[in-house]
């Protein structure tokens, strides 16, 4: 693969170097996503060491985010006007029971949550269940939908203590990619659990869709965040 020849696996790159290489190694015919992969020094089996929060990427993700809203009838119009592709409660729940899962994020009002029990397993296995920690259970439905569509993303550690997230598209300018990347890494740093000892962020790599990964120089990255 020609793109892989541009990457030296023995080198840890600065943000600027990595972003330059991201754009050079994006060889797909479509506009590739730029991804960040982080390994954290946490024990994912400990509930108090779970890293989970949200961050608004200043330049967005470049991805069209499909949002649905679990709301009562009096808020349906507000939700769809804000950008939800579907809004409602009982009818929307029925659609999901019948197999509708063509969306990326689900939001809900607190009073609607009690009705979601019957589809909790369906949504939970797909990582689509509204959750207060993710900011997707709220009374301010319109504002939340607008923020998500503009680039607000949720991140959380998986069972391997890793975080994976898209932070833009290969077509973005280098400046916009760096701004998003710095914002995302800083958000993770700011959410370090108090019980974590030792090195919190162990390594970071970035890649484009189907492109080779490259390791970041942690010392330079942390210097860039200051």
Protein backbone atom coordinates (compact mmCIF):
# COMPACT_ATOMS: atom_id res chain seq x y z
CA UNK A 1 0.00 0.00 0.00
CA UNK A 2 1.54 3.29 -1.14
CA UNK A 3 0.09 5.32 1.76
CA UNK A 4 1.72 3.05 4.35
CA UNK A 5 5.16 3.82 2.91
CA UNK A 6 4.77 7.43 4.07
CA UNK A 7 4.54 6.32 7.70
CA UNK A 8 7.54 5.32 9.82
CA UNK A 9 6.21 2.95 12.50
CA UNK A 10 9.25 3.70 14.66
CA UNK A 11 8.49 7.43 14.82
CA UNK A 12 6.10 9.26 17.16
CA UNK A 13 4.74 12.31 15.36
CA UNK A 14 3.72 15.77 16.49
CA UNK A 15 0.12 16.84 15.87
CA UNK A 16 1.14 18.99 12.90
CA UNK A 17 3.19 16.19 11.33
CA UNK A 18 0.42 13.63 11.88
CA UNK A 19 -2.28 15.85 10.40
CA UNK A 20 -0.11 16.54 7.36
CA UNK A 21 0.31 12.77 6.92
CA UNK A 22 -3.40 12.14 7.45
CA UNK A 23 -4.18 14.26 4.43
CA UNK A 24 -1.40 12.64 2.36
CA UNK A 25 -2.40 9.06 3.23
CA UNK A 26 -6.12 9.49 2.54
CA UNK A 27 -6.42 7.57 -0.72
CA UNK A 28 -10.13 6.68 -0.73
CA UNK A 29 -12.45 7.96 -3.46
CA UNK A 30 -14.77 9.29 -0.74
CA UNK A 31 -14.00 11.94 1.87
CA UNK A 32 -12.33 9.85 4.57
CA UNK A 33 -13.01 10.40 8.25
CA UNK A 34 -10.09 11.23 10.53
CA UNK A 35 -10.06 9.04 13.64
CA UNK A 36 -8.33 9.24 17.01
CA UNK A 37 -7.61 6.12 19.08
CA UNK A 38 -6.51 6.52 22.70
CA UNK A 39 -5.38 3.95 25.26
CA UNK A 40 -5.92 5.08 28.85
CA UNK A 41 -4.31 3.96 32.08
CA UNK A 42 -7.63 3.09 33.73
CA UNK A 43 -9.20 -0.16 34.93
CA UNK A 44 -12.42 -0.43 32.88
CA UNK A 45 -13.80 -2.94 35.41
CA UNK A 46 -13.91 -0.23 38.07
CA UNK A 47 -17.06 1.92 37.81
CA UNK A 48 -15.25 4.96 39.27
CA UNK A 49 -12.62 4.76 36.51
CA UNK A 50 -15.03 4.89 33.58
CA UNK A 51 -14.26 7.89 31.40
CA UNK A 52 -17.44 9.19 29.79
CA UNK A 53 -18.46 12.68 28.76
CA UNK A 54 -19.27 14.90 25.79
CA UNK A 55 -17.38 17.59 23.92
CA UNK A 56 -18.37 20.05 21.19
CA UNK A 57 -15.83 19.87 18.38
CA UNK A 58 -15.45 23.49 17.21
CA UNK A 59 -15.31 22.56 13.52
CA UNK A 60 -17.83 19.71 13.66
CA UNK A 61 -17.17 16.13 12.53
CA UNK A 62 -18.10 16.61 8.90
CA UNK A 63 -20.59 13.81 9.36
CA UNK A 64 -24.35 14.15 8.95
CA UNK A 65 -25.71 13.03 12.33
CA UNK A 66 -29.18 11.49 12.35
CA UNK A 67 -30.93 12.27 15.64
CA UNK A 68 -34.25 10.93 16.93
CA UNK A 69 -36.12 12.34 19.94
CA UNK A 70 -38.25 10.48 22.47
CA UNK A 71 -40.67 13.21 23.50
CA UNK A 72 -44.35 13.65 24.24
CA UNK A 73 -46.66 15.03 21.57
CA UNK A 74 -46.37 18.64 22.76
CA UNK A 75 -42.61 18.66 22.01
CA UNK A 76 -42.57 16.78 18.71
CA UNK A 77 -42.70 19.88 16.53
CA UNK A 78 -39.90 21.55 18.50
CA UNK A 79 -37.69 18.47 18.14
CA UNK A 80 -38.19 18.08 14.39
CA UNK A 81 -37.69 21.80 13.80
CA UNK A 82 -34.33 21.52 15.62
CA UNK A 83 -33.28 18.76 13.23
CA UNK A 84 -34.56 15.42 14.58
CA UNK A 85 -35.39 12.99 11.75
CA UNK A 86 -38.13 11.46 13.91
CA UNK A 87 -39.79 12.51 17.16
CA UNK A 88 -42.47 10.98 19.35
CA UNK A 89 -42.89 8.31 21.98
CA UNK A 90 -45.21 5.31 21.64
CA UNK A 91 -45.19 5.29 17.82
CA UNK A 92 -41.40 5.73 17.71
CA UNK A 93 -40.93 2.93 20.25
CA UNK A 94 -43.08 0.66 18.08
CA UNK A 95 -40.97 1.49 15.02
CA UNK A 96 -37.80 0.53 16.88
CA UNK A 97 -39.40 -2.72 18.07
CA UNK A 98 -40.08 -3.49 14.40
CA UNK A 99 -36.44 -2.92 13.47
CA UNK A 100 -35.96 0.81 12.81
CA UNK A 101 -32.39 1.71 13.77
CA UNK A 102 -31.40 4.14 11.00
CA UNK A 103 -30.14 6.85 13.35
CA UNK A 104 -26.90 7.80 15.12
CA UNK A 105 -28.06 9.43 18.37
CA UNK A 106 -31.23 9.25 20.45
CA UNK A 107 -32.25 11.97 22.88
CA UNK A 108 -35.10 11.93 25.36
CA UNK A 109 -36.84 14.06 27.96
CA UNK A 110 -36.59 12.73 31.54
CA UNK A 111 -40.32 11.89 31.66
CA UNK A 112 -40.03 9.84 28.45
CA UNK A 113 -37.32 7.58 29.87
CA UNK A 114 -39.75 5.39 31.83
CA UNK A 115 -41.37 4.34 28.55
CA UNK A 116 -38.08 3.16 27.02
CA UNK A 117 -37.79 0.05 29.19
CA UNK A 118 -39.32 -2.14 26.48
CA UNK A 119 -36.60 -1.14 23.98
CA UNK A 120 -33.74 -0.62 26.44
CA UNK A 121 -32.03 -3.86 25.38
CA UNK A 122 -32.31 -3.03 21.67
CA UNK A 123 -30.89 0.47 22.14
CA UNK A 124 -28.35 -0.60 24.77
CA UNK A 125 -26.66 -3.24 22.61
CA UNK A 126 -26.21 -0.63 19.86
CA UNK A 127 -24.96 2.06 22.25
CA UNK A 128 -27.98 4.21 21.41
CA UNK A 129 -29.76 4.42 24.78
CA UNK A 130 -30.23 8.04 25.95
CA UNK A 131 -28.16 8.69 29.06
CA UNK A 132 -27.87 11.68 31.40
CA UNK A 133 -24.06 11.32 31.51
CA UNK A 134 -23.96 11.67 27.74
CA UNK A 135 -26.19 14.73 27.88
CA UNK A 136 -28.88 12.97 25.84
CA UNK A 137 -31.53 13.03 28.57
CA UNK A 138 -32.63 16.63 28.86
CA UNK A 139 -35.57 19.01 28.93
CA UNK A 140 -33.76 21.31 26.50
CA UNK A 141 -34.36 19.02 23.54
CA UNK A 142 -34.01 21.62 20.77
CA UNK A 143 -30.67 22.96 22.00
CA UNK A 144 -29.31 19.44 22.54
CA UNK A 145 -30.29 18.29 19.03
CA UNK A 146 -28.74 21.41 17.48
CA UNK A 147 -25.48 20.92 19.42
CA UNK A 148 -25.24 17.25 18.40
CA UNK A 149 -25.80 18.09 14.75
CA UNK A 150 -23.14 20.83 14.89
CA UNK A 151 -20.45 18.51 16.28
CA UNK A 152 -21.10 17.63 19.92
CA UNK A 153 -19.89 14.07 20.43
CA UNK A 154 -19.92 11.58 23.27
CA UNK A 155 -16.82 9.61 24.23
CA UNK A 156 -16.35 6.72 26.64
CA UNK A 157 -13.81 4.03 27.42
CA UNK A 158 -14.51 0.55 26.09
CA UNK A 159 -13.68 -2.78 27.77
CA UNK A 160 -10.06 -2.47 26.65
CA UNK A 161 -9.71 1.00 28.26
CA UNK A 162 -9.64 2.61 24.82
CA UNK A 163 -11.49 5.57 23.30
CA UNK A 164 -12.20 5.83 19.57
CA UNK A 165 -13.66 8.92 17.92
CA UNK A 166 -13.96 10.69 14.56
CA UNK A 167 -12.63 14.25 14.74
CA UNK A 168 -13.14 15.48 11.20
CA UNK A 169 -12.74 14.71 7.51
CA UNK A 170 -9.64 14.52 5.32
CA UNK A 171 -11.03 17.48 3.35
CA UNK A 172 -10.85 19.73 6.44
CA UNK A 173 -8.01 22.23 6.56
CA UNK A 174 -5.01 21.26 8.69
CA UNK A 175 -5.88 24.10 11.09
CA UNK A 176 -9.45 22.86 11.58
CA UNK A 177 -8.33 19.27 12.13
CA UNK A 178 -5.77 20.38 14.71
CA UNK A 179 -8.31 22.52 16.55
CA UNK A 180 -10.74 19.60 16.75
CA UNK A 181 -7.99 17.17 17.77
CA UNK A 182 -6.70 19.44 20.55
CA UNK A 183 -10.23 20.08 21.81
CA UNK A 184 -10.98 16.35 21.96
CA UNK A 185 -7.76 15.32 23.71
CA UNK A 186 -8.15 18.15 26.25
CA UNK A 187 -11.71 16.99 27.00
CA UNK A 188 -10.45 13.49 27.78
CA UNK A 189 -7.62 14.88 29.95
CA UNK A 190 -10.11 17.05 31.85
CA UNK A 191 -12.22 13.96 32.60
CA UNK A 192 -9.46 11.99 34.31
CA UNK A 193 -11.04 10.03 37.20
CA UNK A 194 -9.66 11.02 40.61
CA UNK A 195 -8.86 7.39 41.45
CA UNK A 196 -6.47 6.90 38.54
CA UNK A 197 -2.80 6.67 39.49
CA UNK A 198 0.15 6.75 37.12
CA UNK A 199 0.06 7.74 33.45
CA UNK A 200 -3.52 8.54 32.41
CA UNK A 201 -3.16 8.71 28.61
CA UNK A 202 -0.75 5.94 27.63
CA UNK A 203 -0.77 6.40 23.87
CA UNK A 204 -2.62 8.10 21.04
CA UNK A 205 -2.74 7.23 17.37
CA UNK A 206 -4.59 8.80 14.46
CA UNK A 207 -5.64 7.44 11.08
CA UNK A 208 -8.03 8.01 8.21
CA UNK A 209 -10.71 5.54 7.13
CA UNK A 210 -8.84 2.55 5.65
CA UNK A 211 -5.56 4.47 6.04
CA UNK A 212 -2.45 3.55 8.06
CA UNK A 213 -2.26 4.59 11.71
CA UNK A 214 0.43 6.81 13.17
CA UNK A 215 1.51 7.21 16.76
CA UNK A 216 1.61 10.66 18.36
CA UNK A 217 4.49 11.96 20.48
CA UNK A 218 2.82 12.26 23.89
CA UNK A 219 5.26 14.88 25.19
CA UNK A 220 4.67 17.14 22.20
CA UNK A 221 0.90 16.58 22.34
CA UNK A 222 0.69 17.57 26.00
CA UNK A 223 2.84 20.62 25.24
CA UNK A 224 0.40 21.62 22.48
CA UNK A 225 -2.51 21.50 24.92
CA UNK A 226 -1.02 24.18 27.18
